[in-house]
Amino acid sequence: MLDVSAAQAVGGRVCPMRSIELSIRGMTCAACAARIEKKLNMIDHDVVAAVSFATEKATITAPQAVSAQALVAAVERAGYAAQAPAGATGI
Protein backbone atom coordinates (compact mmCIF):
# COMPACT_ATOMS: atom_id res chain seq x y z
CA MET A 1 0.00 0.00 0.00
CA LEU A 2 1.43 3.35 -1.02
CA ASP A 3 -0.47 6.63 -0.77
CA VAL A 4 1.17 9.94 -1.66
CA SER A 5 -1.91 12.16 -1.44
CA ALA A 6 -1.33 13.71 1.98
CA ALA A 7 0.90 16.64 2.92
CA GLN A 8 1.99 18.12 6.23
CA ALA A 9 3.29 21.58 7.10
CA VAL A 10 6.74 21.36 8.67
CA GLY A 11 8.73 24.47 9.53
CA GLY A 12 6.58 26.63 7.29
CA ARG A 13 7.00 24.24 4.35
CA VAL A 14 4.56 21.70 3.03
CA CYS A 15 6.15 18.25 3.04
CA PRO A 16 4.40 15.53 1.03
CA MET A 17 3.40 12.60 3.22
CA ARG A 18 2.77 9.03 2.18
CA SER A 19 1.48 5.83 3.71
CA ILE A 20 3.43 2.63 3.33
CA GLU A 21 2.83 -0.88 4.63
CA LEU A 22 5.75 -3.14 5.47
CA SER A 23 5.58 -6.90 5.93
CA ILE A 24 7.33 -7.86 9.18
CA ARG A 25 8.80 -11.26 10.01
CA GLY A 26 10.25 -12.61 13.21
CA MET A 27 7.81 -11.26 15.79
CA THR A 28 6.84 -13.72 18.52
CA CYS A 29 4.61 -11.53 20.71
CA ALA A 30 2.93 -8.15 21.09
CA ALA A 31 6.04 -6.79 22.82
CA CYS A 32 7.96 -7.40 19.59
CA ALA A 33 5.42 -5.30 17.71
CA ALA A 34 5.73 -2.54 20.31
CA ARG A 35 9.54 -2.59 20.01
CA ILE A 36 9.38 -2.24 16.21
CA GLU A 37 6.77 0.51 16.45
CA LYS A 38 9.00 2.45 18.85
CA LYS A 39 12.02 2.14 16.51
CA LEU A 40 10.00 3.32 13.51
CA ASN A 41 8.53 6.29 15.39
CA MET A 42 12.06 7.37 16.40
CA ILE A 43 13.21 7.82 12.78
CA ASP A 44 11.70 11.27 12.39
CA HIS A 45 9.21 13.23 14.48
CA ASP A 46 6.79 13.15 11.53
CA VAL A 47 6.82 9.34 11.21
CA VAL A 48 3.75 7.64 12.68
CA ALA A 49 3.84 3.84 12.76
CA ALA A 50 1.40 1.19 13.93
CA VAL A 51 2.61 -2.41 14.04
CA SER A 52 0.26 -5.40 14.25
CA PHE A 53 1.59 -8.67 15.62
CA ALA A 54 -1.54 -10.47 14.37
CA THR A 55 -1.19 -9.38 10.72
CA GLU A 56 2.61 -9.07 10.72
CA LYS A 57 2.30 -5.62 9.13
CA ALA A 58 3.56 -2.14 9.92
CA THR A 59 1.41 0.72 8.64
CA ILE A 60 3.46 3.90 8.46
CA THR A 61 2.76 7.51 7.55
CA ALA A 62 6.00 9.33 6.78
CA PRO A 63 7.33 12.31 4.83
CA GLN A 64 8.46 11.57 1.27
CA ALA A 65 12.02 12.37 2.43
CA VAL A 66 12.05 9.23 4.62
CA SER A 67 12.89 6.37 2.27
CA ALA A 68 11.35 2.92 2.36
CA GLN A 69 14.89 1.62 2.82
CA ALA A 70 15.25 3.72 6.00
CA LEU A 71 12.04 2.22 7.36
CA VAL A 72 13.18 -1.34 6.57
CA ALA A 73 16.60 -0.62 8.10
CA ALA A 74 14.98 0.57 11.34
CA VAL A 75 13.03 -2.68 11.60
CA GLU A 76 16.18 -4.69 10.90
CA ARG A 77 18.12 -2.75 13.57
CA ALA A 78 15.41 -3.84 16.01
CA GLY A 79 16.25 -7.46 15.12
CA TYR A 80 13.39 -8.32 12.76
CA ALA A 81 12.98 -8.71 8.99
CA ALA A 82 10.91 -6.30 6.91
CA GLN A 83 9.93 -6.02 3.28
CA ALA A 84 8.56 -2.96 1.50
CA PRO A 85 6.10 -3.24 -1.40
CA ALA A 86 7.79 -3.62 -4.78
CA GLY A 87 6.79 -0.11 -5.89
CA ALA A 88 8.28 1.51 -2.78
CA THR A 89 11.89 0.44 -3.25
CA GLY A 90 12.95 3.64 -4.98
CA ILE A 91 11.26 5.96 -2.50
PDB file of N, CA and C in Angstrom:
ATOM      1  N   MET A   1       0.847  -1.169   0.000  1.00  0.00           N
ATOM      2  CA  MET A   1       0.000   0.000   0.000  1.00  0.00           C
ATOM      3  C   MET A   1       0.886   1.224   0.000  1.00  0.00           C
ATOM      4  N   LEU A   2       0.660   2.130  -0.932  1.00  0.00           N
ATOM      5  CA  LEU A   2       1.429   3.349  -1.019  1.00  0.00           C
ATOM      6  C   LEU A   2       0.488   4.468  -1.394  1.00  0.00           C
ATOM      7  N   ASP A   3       0.428   5.509  -0.546  1.00  0.00           N
ATOM      8  CA  ASP A   3      -0.471   6.628  -0.772  1.00  0.00           C
ATOM      9  C   ASP A   3       0.334   7.909  -0.642  1.00  0.00           C
ATOM     10  N   VAL A   4       0.391   8.706  -1.689  1.00  0.00           N
ATOM     11  CA  VAL A   4       1.168   9.937  -1.657  1.00  0.00           C
ATOM     12  C   VAL A   4       0.270  11.165  -1.708  1.00  0.00           C
ATOM     13  N   SER A   5      -0.969  11.061  -1.302  1.00  0.00           N
ATOM     14  CA  SER A   5      -1.914  12.157  -1.440  1.00  0.00           C
ATOM     15  C   SER A   5      -1.881  13.151  -0.300  1.00  0.00           C
ATOM     16  N   ALA A   6      -1.298  12.826   0.821  1.00  0.00           N
ATOM     17  CA  ALA A   6      -1.326  13.708   1.983  1.00  0.00           C
ATOM     18  C   ALA A   6      -0.110  14.623   1.995  1.00  0.00           C
ATOM     19  N   ALA A   7      -0.215  15.722   2.726  1.00  0.00           N
ATOM     20  CA  ALA A   7       0.900  16.642   2.923  1.00  0.00           C
ATOM     21  C   ALA A   7       0.817  17.187   4.337  1.00  0.00           C
ATOM     22  N   GLN A   8       1.948  17.598   4.875  1.00  0.00           N
ATOM     23  CA  GLN A   8       1.991  18.122   6.228  1.00  0.00           C
ATOM     24  C   GLN A   8       2.883  19.349   6.237  1.00  0.00           C
ATOM     25  N   ALA A   9       2.478  20.376   6.973  1.00  0.00           N
ATOM     26  CA  ALA A   9       3.287  21.575   7.102  1.00  0.00           C
ATOM     27  C   ALA A   9       4.358  21.340   8.155  1.00  0.00           C
ATOM     28  N   VAL A  10       5.618  21.534   7.760  1.00  0.00           N
ATOM     29  CA  VAL A  10       6.743  21.358   8.666  1.00  0.00           C
ATOM     30  C   VAL A  10       7.651  22.564   8.510  1.00  0.00           C
ATOM     31  N   GLY A  11       7.838  23.318   9.576  1.00  0.00           N
ATOM     32  CA  GLY A  11       8.733  24.471   9.532  1.00  0.00           C
ATOM     33  C   GLY A  11       8.333  25.482   8.479  1.00  0.00           C
ATOM     34  N   GLY A  12       7.048  25.680   8.275  1.00  0.00           N
ATOM     35  CA  GLY A  12       6.576  26.633   7.286  1.00  0.00           C
ATOM     36  C   GLY A  12       6.541  26.090   5.868  1.00  0.00           C
ATOM     37  N   ARG A  13       7.020  24.864   5.671  1.00  0.00           N
ATOM     38  CA  ARG A  13       7.002  24.238   4.349  1.00  0.00           C
ATOM     39  C   ARG A  13       5.958  23.142   4.343  1.00  0.00           C
ATOM     40  N   VAL A  14       5.472  22.831   3.163  1.00  0.00           N
ATOM     41  CA  VAL A  14       4.563  21.703   3.028  1.00  0.00           C
ATOM     42  C   VAL A  14       5.378  20.513   2.548  1.00  0.00           C
ATOM     43  N   CYS A  15       5.409  19.464   3.367  1.00  0.00           N
ATOM     44  CA  CYS A  15       6.148  18.247   3.042  1.00  0.00           C
ATOM     45  C   CYS A  15       5.157  17.170   2.636  1.00  0.00           C
ATOM     46  N   PRO A  16       5.305  16.614   1.440  1.00  0.00           N
ATOM     47  CA  PRO A  16       4.400  15.534   1.032  1.00  0.00           C
ATOM     48  C   PRO A  16       4.552  14.327   1.958  1.00  0.00           C
ATOM     49  N   MET A  17       3.433  13.780   2.356  1.00  0.00           N
ATOM     50  CA  MET A  17       3.404  12.602   3.217  1.00  0.00           C
ATOM     51  C   MET A  17       2.909  11.422   2.400  1.00  0.00           C
ATOM     52  N   ARG A  18       3.269  10.229   2.842  1.00  0.00           N
ATOM     53  CA  ARG A  18       2.773   9.033   2.181  1.00  0.00           C
ATOM     54  C   ARG A  18       2.542   7.957   3.228  1.00  0.00           C
ATOM     55  N   SER A  19       1.711   7.002   2.869  1.00  0.00           N
ATOM     56  CA  SER A  19       1.477   5.833   3.710  1.00  0.00           C
ATOM     57  C   SER A  19       2.141   4.645   3.039  1.00  0.00           C
ATOM     58  N   ILE A  20       2.765   3.819   3.851  1.00  0.00           N
ATOM     59  CA  ILE A  20       3.429   2.628   3.326  1.00  0.00           C
ATOM     60  C   ILE A  20       3.192   1.490   4.313  1.00  0.00           C
ATOM     61  N   GLU A  21       3.046   0.301   3.793  1.00  0.00           N
ATOM     62  CA  GLU A  21       2.825  -0.876   4.634  1.00  0.00           C
ATOM     63  C   GLU A  21       3.985  -1.838   4.428  1.00  0.00           C
ATOM     64  N   LEU A  22       4.652  -2.186   5.525  1.00  0.00           N
ATOM     65  CA  LEU A  22       5.754  -3.143   5.474  1.00  0.00           C
ATOM     66  C   LEU A  22       5.285  -4.488   5.995  1.00  0.00           C
ATOM     67  N   SER A  23       5.778  -5.549   5.394  1.00  0.00           N
ATOM     68  CA  SER A  23       5.576  -6.896   5.930  1.00  0.00           C
ATOM     69  C   SER A  23       6.696  -7.144   6.927  1.00  0.00           C
ATOM     70  N   ILE A  24       6.349  -7.624   8.117  1.00  0.00           N
ATOM     71  CA  ILE A  24       7.326  -7.856   9.178  1.00  0.00           C
ATOM     72  C   ILE A  24       7.393  -9.350   9.468  1.00  0.00           C
ATOM     73  N   ARG A  25       8.617  -9.856   9.637  1.00  0.00           N
ATOM     74  CA  ARG A  25       8.803 -11.263  10.006  1.00  0.00           C
ATOM     75  C   ARG A  25       9.675 -11.350  11.248  1.00  0.00           C
ATOM     76  N   GLY A  26       9.425 -12.364  12.056  1.00  0.00           N
ATOM     77  CA  GLY A  26      10.255 -12.615  13.213  1.00  0.00           C
ATOM     78  C   GLY A  26       9.644 -12.228  14.542  1.00  0.00           C
ATOM     79  N   MET A  27       8.461 -11.629  14.529  1.00  0.00           N
ATOM     80  CA  MET A  27       7.808 -11.264  15.786  1.00  0.00           C
ATOM     81  C   MET A  27       7.239 -12.515  16.451  1.00  0.00           C
ATOM     82  N   THR A  28       7.385 -12.580  17.776  1.00  0.00           N
ATOM     83  CA  THR A  28       6.839 -13.719  18.518  1.00  0.00           C
ATOM     84  C   THR A  28       5.774 -13.308  19.521  1.00  0.00           C
ATOM     85  N   CYS A  29       5.593 -11.994  19.727  1.00  0.00           N
ATOM     86  CA  CYS A  29       4.606 -11.532  20.706  1.00  0.00           C
ATOM     87  C   CYS A  29       4.287 -10.057  20.464  1.00  0.00           C
ATOM     88  N   ALA A  30       3.331  -9.546  21.224  1.00  0.00           N
ATOM     89  CA  ALA A  30       2.928  -8.148  21.092  1.00  0.00           C
ATOM     90  C   ALA A  30       4.051  -7.199  21.515  1.00  0.00           C
ATOM     91  N   ALA A  31       4.914  -7.637  22.418  1.00  0.00           N
ATOM     92  CA  ALA A  31       6.044  -6.792  22.823  1.00  0.00           C
ATOM     93  C   ALA A  31       6.997  -6.565  21.653  1.00  0.00           C
ATOM     94  N   CYS A  32       7.140  -7.557  20.795  1.00  0.00           N
ATOM     95  CA  CYS A  32       7.959  -7.404  19.588  1.00  0.00           C
ATOM     96  C   CYS A  32       7.384  -6.298  18.709  1.00  0.00           C
ATOM     97  N   ALA A  33       6.079  -6.318  18.522  1.00  0.00           N
ATOM     98  CA  ALA A  33       5.415  -5.302  17.709  1.00  0.00           C
ATOM     99  C   ALA A  33       5.624  -3.918  18.314  1.00  0.00           C
ATOM    100  N   ALA A  34       5.523  -3.819  19.631  1.00  0.00           N
ATOM    101  CA  ALA A  34       5.726  -2.536  20.310  1.00  0.00           C
ATOM    102  C   ALA A  34       7.160  -2.043  20.134  1.00  0.00           C
ATOM    103  N   ARG A  35       8.131  -2.947  20.185  1.00  0.00           N
ATOM    104  CA  ARG A  35       9.540  -2.590  20.010  1.00  0.00           C
ATOM    105  C   ARG A  35       9.781  -2.035  18.600  1.00  0.00           C
ATOM    106  N   ILE A  36       9.227  -2.697  17.601  1.00  0.00           N
ATOM    107  CA  ILE A  36       9.381  -2.241  16.213  1.00  0.00           C
ATOM    108  C   ILE A  36       8.709  -0.889  16.023  1.00  0.00           C
ATOM    109  N   GLU A  37       7.512  -0.752  16.553  1.00  0.00           N
ATOM    110  CA  GLU A  37       6.770   0.505  16.446  1.00  0.00           C
ATOM    111  C   GLU A  37       7.585   1.652  17.041  1.00  0.00           C
ATOM    112  N   LYS A  38       8.187   1.426  18.193  1.00  0.00           N
ATOM    113  CA  LYS A  38       8.997   2.454  18.847  1.00  0.00           C
ATOM    114  C   LYS A  38      10.185   2.848  17.968  1.00  0.00           C
ATOM    115  N   LYS A  39      10.871   1.862  17.386  1.00  0.00           N
ATOM    116  CA  LYS A  39      12.018   2.141  16.513  1.00  0.00           C
ATOM    117  C   LYS A  39      11.600   2.959  15.293  1.00  0.00           C
ATOM    118  N   LEU A  40      10.479   2.590  14.686  1.00  0.00           N
ATOM    119  CA  LEU A  40      10.001   3.322  13.509  1.00  0.00           C
ATOM    120  C   LEU A  40       9.626   4.758  13.864  1.00  0.00           C
ATOM    121  N   ASN A  41       8.953   4.950  14.987  1.00  0.00           N
ATOM    122  CA  ASN A  41       8.531   6.290  15.391  1.00  0.00           C
ATOM    123  C   ASN A  41       9.709   7.181  15.771  1.00  0.00           C
ATOM    124  N   MET A  42      10.869   6.593  16.050  1.00  0.00           N
ATOM    125  CA  MET A  42      12.057   7.368  16.403  1.00  0.00           C
ATOM    126  C   MET A  42      12.825   7.876  15.180  1.00  0.00           C
ATOM    127  N   ILE A  43      12.489   7.422  13.990  1.00  0.00           N
ATOM    128  CA  ILE A  43      13.212   7.822  12.777  1.00  0.00           C
ATOM    129  C   ILE A  43      13.136   9.324  12.564  1.00  0.00           C
ATOM    130  N   ASP A  44      11.956   9.861  12.674  1.00  0.00           N
ATOM    131  CA  ASP A  44      11.697  11.275  12.392  1.00  0.00           C
ATOM    132  C   ASP A  44      10.453  11.640  13.187  1.00  0.00           C
ATOM    133  N   HIS A  45      10.378  12.874  13.665  1.00  0.00           N
ATOM    134  CA  HIS A  45       9.212  13.231  14.478  1.00  0.00           C
ATOM    135  C   HIS A  45       7.911  13.223  13.680  1.00  0.00           C
ATOM    136  N   ASP A  46       7.991  13.185  12.363  1.00  0.00           N
ATOM    137  CA  ASP A  46       6.789  13.150  11.531  1.00  0.00           C
ATOM    138  C   ASP A  46       6.374  11.733  11.144  1.00  0.00           C
ATOM    139  N   VAL A  47       7.155  10.727  11.518  1.00  0.00           N
ATOM    140  CA  VAL A  47       6.825   9.343  11.207  1.00  0.00           C
ATOM    141  C   VAL A  47       5.850   8.819  12.262  1.00  0.00           C
ATOM    142  N   VAL A  48       4.746   8.247  11.789  1.00  0.00           N
ATOM    143  CA  VAL A  48       3.755   7.641  12.681  1.00  0.00           C
ATOM    144  C   VAL A  48       3.572   6.200  12.225  1.00  0.00           C
ATOM    145  N   ALA A  49       3.903   5.258  13.110  1.00  0.00           N
ATOM    146  CA  ALA A  49       3.838   3.838  12.760  1.00  0.00           C
ATOM    147  C   ALA A  49       2.911   3.099  13.704  1.00  0.00           C
ATOM    148  N   ALA A  50       2.219   2.123  13.153  1.00  0.00           N
ATOM    149  CA  ALA A  50       1.402   1.191  13.935  1.00  0.00           C
ATOM    150  C   ALA A  50       1.768  -0.204  13.449  1.00  0.00           C
ATOM    151  N   VAL A  51       2.176  -1.063  14.379  1.00  0.00           N
ATOM    152  CA  VAL A  51       2.607  -2.414  14.037  1.00  0.00           C
ATOM    153  C   VAL A  51       1.634  -3.415  14.631  1.00  0.00           C
ATOM    154  N   SER A  52       1.192  -4.358  13.806  1.00  0.00           N
ATOM    155  CA  SER A  52       0.259  -5.397  14.248  1.00  0.00           C
ATOM    156  C   SER A  52       0.963  -6.742  14.290  1.00  0.00           C
ATOM    157  N   PHE A  53       1.028  -7.329  15.474  1.00  0.00           N
ATOM    158  CA  PHE A  53       1.590  -8.674  15.618  1.00  0.00           C
ATOM    159  C   PHE A  53       0.713  -9.679  14.883  1.00  0.00           C
ATOM    160  N   ALA A  54      -0.602  -9.517  14.962  1.00  0.00           N
ATOM    161  CA  ALA A  54      -1.545 -10.469  14.370  1.00  0.00           C
ATOM    162  C   ALA A  54      -1.423 -10.541  12.847  1.00  0.00           C
ATOM    163  N   THR A  55      -1.260  -9.397  12.187  1.00  0.00           N
ATOM    164  CA  THR A  55      -1.192  -9.379  10.724  1.00  0.00           C
ATOM    165  C   THR A  55       0.235  -9.352  10.191  1.00  0.00           C
ATOM    166  N   GLU A  56       1.201  -9.185  11.093  1.00  0.00           N
ATOM    167  CA  GLU A  56       2.614  -9.072  10.717  1.00  0.00           C
ATOM    168  C   GLU A  56       2.838  -7.938   9.729  1.00  0.00           C
ATOM    169  N   LYS A  57       2.194  -6.791   9.998  1.00  0.00           N
ATOM    170  CA  LYS A  57       2.303  -5.618   9.132  1.00  0.00           C
ATOM    171  C   LYS A  57       2.606  -4.381   9.962  1.00  0.00           C
ATOM    172  N   ALA A  58       3.342  -3.460   9.362  1.00  0.00           N
ATOM    173  CA  ALA A  58       3.559  -2.141   9.923  1.00  0.00           C
ATOM    174  C   ALA A  58       2.938  -1.141   8.954  1.00  0.00           C
ATOM    175  N   THR A  59       2.030  -0.327   9.447  1.00  0.00           N
ATOM    176  CA  THR A  59       1.413   0.717   8.637  1.00  0.00           C
ATOM    177  C   THR A  59       2.041   2.027   9.081  1.00  0.00           C
ATOM    178  N   ILE A  60       2.648   2.741   8.138  1.00  0.00           N
ATOM    179  CA  ILE A  60       3.456   3.904   8.462  1.00  0.00           C
ATOM    180  C   ILE A  60       3.038   5.090   7.612  1.00  0.00           C
ATOM    181  N   THR A  61       2.926   6.248   8.246  1.00  0.00           N
ATOM    182  CA  THR A  61       2.759   7.514   7.547  1.00  0.00           C
ATOM    183  C   THR A  61       4.050   8.276   7.768  1.00  0.00           C
ATOM    184  N   ALA A  62       4.686   8.685   6.683  1.00  0.00           N
ATOM    185  CA  ALA A  62       5.996   9.333   6.783  1.00  0.00           C
ATOM    186  C   ALA A  62       6.151  10.373   5.677  1.00  0.00           C
ATOM    187  N   PRO A  63       7.028  11.355   5.902  1.00  0.00           N
ATOM    188  CA  PRO A  63       7.331  12.311   4.833  1.00  0.00           C
ATOM    189  C   PRO A  63       7.995  11.592   3.655  1.00  0.00           C
ATOM    190  N   GLN A  64       7.828  12.141   2.466  1.00  0.00           N
ATOM    191  CA  GLN A  64       8.463  11.568   1.272  1.00  0.00           C
ATOM    192  C   GLN A  64       9.970  11.457   1.442  1.00  0.00           C
ATOM    193  N   ALA A  65      10.565  12.355   2.237  1.00  0.00           N
ATOM    194  CA  ALA A  65      12.015  12.371   2.426  1.00  0.00           C
ATOM    195  C   ALA A  65      12.523  11.142   3.176  1.00  0.00           C
ATOM    196  N   VAL A  66      11.662  10.455   3.897  1.00  0.00           N
ATOM    197  CA  VAL A  66      12.054   9.233   4.619  1.00  0.00           C
ATOM    198  C   VAL A  66      11.860   8.060   3.663  1.00  0.00           C
ATOM    199  N   SER A  67      12.959   7.439   3.271  1.00  0.00           N
ATOM    200  CA  SER A  67      12.889   6.374   2.270  1.00  0.00           C
ATOM    201  C   SER A  67      12.335   5.080   2.840  1.00  0.00           C
ATOM    202  N   ALA A  68      11.818   4.249   1.959  1.00  0.00           N
ATOM    203  CA  ALA A  68      11.349   2.920   2.360  1.00  0.00           C
ATOM    204  C   ALA A  68      12.519   2.117   2.910  1.00  0.00           C
ATOM    205  N   GLN A  69      13.706   2.330   2.346  1.00  0.00           N
ATOM    206  CA  GLN A  69      14.888   1.623   2.823  1.00  0.00           C
ATOM    207  C   GLN A  69      15.206   2.015   4.265  1.00  0.00           C
ATOM    208  N   ALA A  70      15.011   3.274   4.625  1.00  0.00           N
ATOM    209  CA  ALA A  70      15.253   3.719   6.005  1.00  0.00           C
ATOM    210  C   ALA A  70      14.277   3.051   6.962  1.00  0.00           C
ATOM    211  N   LEU A  71      13.044   2.882   6.529  1.00  0.00           N
ATOM    212  CA  LEU A  71      12.042   2.218   7.361  1.00  0.00           C
ATOM    213  C   LEU A  71      12.402   0.745   7.561  1.00  0.00           C
ATOM    214  N   VAL A  72      12.779   0.072   6.477  1.00  0.00           N
ATOM    215  CA  VAL A  72      13.178  -1.337   6.565  1.00  0.00           C
ATOM    216  C   VAL A  72      14.414  -1.473   7.453  1.00  0.00           C
ATOM    217  N   ALA A  73      15.370  -0.568   7.297  1.00  0.00           N
ATOM    218  CA  ALA A  73      16.599  -0.620   8.097  1.00  0.00           C
ATOM    219  C   ALA A  73      16.300  -0.457   9.586  1.00  0.00           C
ATOM    220  N   ALA A  74      15.344   0.391   9.932  1.00  0.00           N
ATOM    221  CA  ALA A  74      14.980   0.574  11.341  1.00  0.00           C
ATOM    222  C   ALA A  74      14.414  -0.714  11.925  1.00  0.00           C
ATOM    223  N   VAL A  75      13.593  -1.410  11.142  1.00  0.00           N
ATOM    224  CA  VAL A  75      13.032  -2.684  11.600  1.00  0.00           C
ATOM    225  C   VAL A  75      14.157  -3.706  11.769  1.00  0.00           C
ATOM    226  N   GLU A  76      15.073  -3.738  10.828  1.00  0.00           N
ATOM    227  CA  GLU A  76      16.183  -4.689  10.903  1.00  0.00           C
ATOM    228  C   GLU A  76      17.104  -4.398  12.082  1.00  0.00           C
ATOM    229  N   ARG A  77      17.319  -3.107  12.399  1.00  0.00           N
ATOM    230  CA  ARG A  77      18.121  -2.754  13.573  1.00  0.00           C
ATOM    231  C   ARG A  77      17.461  -3.213  14.863  1.00  0.00           C
ATOM    232  N   ALA A  78      16.134  -3.344  14.842  1.00  0.00           N
ATOM    233  CA  ALA A  78      15.408  -3.840  16.015  1.00  0.00           C
ATOM    234  C   ALA A  78      15.492  -5.364  16.110  1.00  0.00           C
ATOM    235  N   GLY A  79      16.055  -6.019  15.084  1.00  0.00           N
ATOM    236  CA  GLY A  79      16.248  -7.462  15.123  1.00  0.00           C
ATOM    237  C   GLY A  79      15.204  -8.275  14.386  1.00  0.00           C
ATOM    238  N   TYR A  80      14.462  -7.649  13.496  1.00  0.00           N
ATOM    239  CA  TYR A  80      13.393  -8.323  12.757  1.00  0.00           C
ATOM    240  C   TYR A  80      13.615  -8.117  11.269  1.00  0.00           C
ATOM    241  N   ALA A  81      12.887  -8.846  10.449  1.00  0.00           N
ATOM    242  CA  ALA A  81      12.976  -8.712   8.991  1.00  0.00           C
ATOM    243  C   ALA A  81      11.769  -7.921   8.495  1.00  0.00           C
ATOM    244  N   ALA A  82      11.997  -7.097   7.476  1.00  0.00           N
ATOM    245  CA  ALA A  82      10.909  -6.304   6.907  1.00  0.00           C
ATOM    246  C   ALA A  82      11.060  -6.266   5.394  1.00  0.00           C
ATOM    247  N   GLN A  83       9.926  -6.113   4.728  1.00  0.00           N
ATOM    248  CA  GLN A  83       9.934  -6.015   3.276  1.00  0.00           C
ATOM    249  C   GLN A  83       8.942  -4.934   2.873  1.00  0.00           C
ATOM    250  N   ALA A  84       9.404  -4.026   2.037  1.00  0.00           N
ATOM    251  CA  ALA A  84       8.557  -2.964   1.500  1.00  0.00           C
ATOM    252  C   ALA A  84       7.867  -3.470   0.241  1.00  0.00           C
ATOM    253  N   PRO A  85       6.740  -2.865  -0.130  1.00  0.00           N
ATOM    254  CA  PRO A  85       6.099  -3.238  -1.395  1.00  0.00           C
ATOM    255  C   PRO A  85       7.040  -2.976  -2.569  1.00  0.00           C
ATOM    256  N   ALA A  86       6.898  -3.726  -3.625  1.00  0.00           N
ATOM    257  CA  ALA A  86       7.794  -3.623  -4.785  1.00  0.00           C
ATOM    258  C   ALA A  86       7.881  -2.195  -5.316  1.00  0.00           C
ATOM    259  N   GLY A  87       6.791  -1.459  -5.363  1.00  0.00           N
ATOM    260  CA  GLY A  87       6.791  -0.106  -5.893  1.00  0.00           C
ATOM    261  C   GLY A  87       7.426   0.918  -4.975  1.00  0.00           C
ATOM    262  N   ALA A  88       7.747   0.552  -3.749  1.00  0.00           N
ATOM    263  CA  ALA A  88       8.278   1.512  -2.781  1.00  0.00           C
ATOM    264  C   ALA A  88       9.787   1.458  -2.669  1.00  0.00           C
ATOM    265  N   THR A  89      10.454   0.603  -3.422  1.00  0.00           N
ATOM    266  CA  THR A  89      11.888   0.440  -3.246  1.00  0.00           C
ATOM    267  C   THR A  89      12.686   1.684  -3.621  1.00  0.00           C
ATOM    268  N   GLY A  90      12.206   2.452  -4.567  1.00  0.00           N
ATOM    269  CA  GLY A  90      12.948   3.638  -4.980  1.00  0.00           C
ATOM    270  C   GLY A  90      12.588   4.884  -4.202  1.00  0.00           C
ATOM    271  N   ILE A  91      11.721   4.778  -3.241  1.00  0.00           N
ATOM    272  CA  ILE A  91      11.259   5.959  -2.499  1.00  0.00           C
ATOM    273  C   ILE A  91      12.223   6.273  -1.387  1.00  0.00           C
TER     274      ILE A  91
END
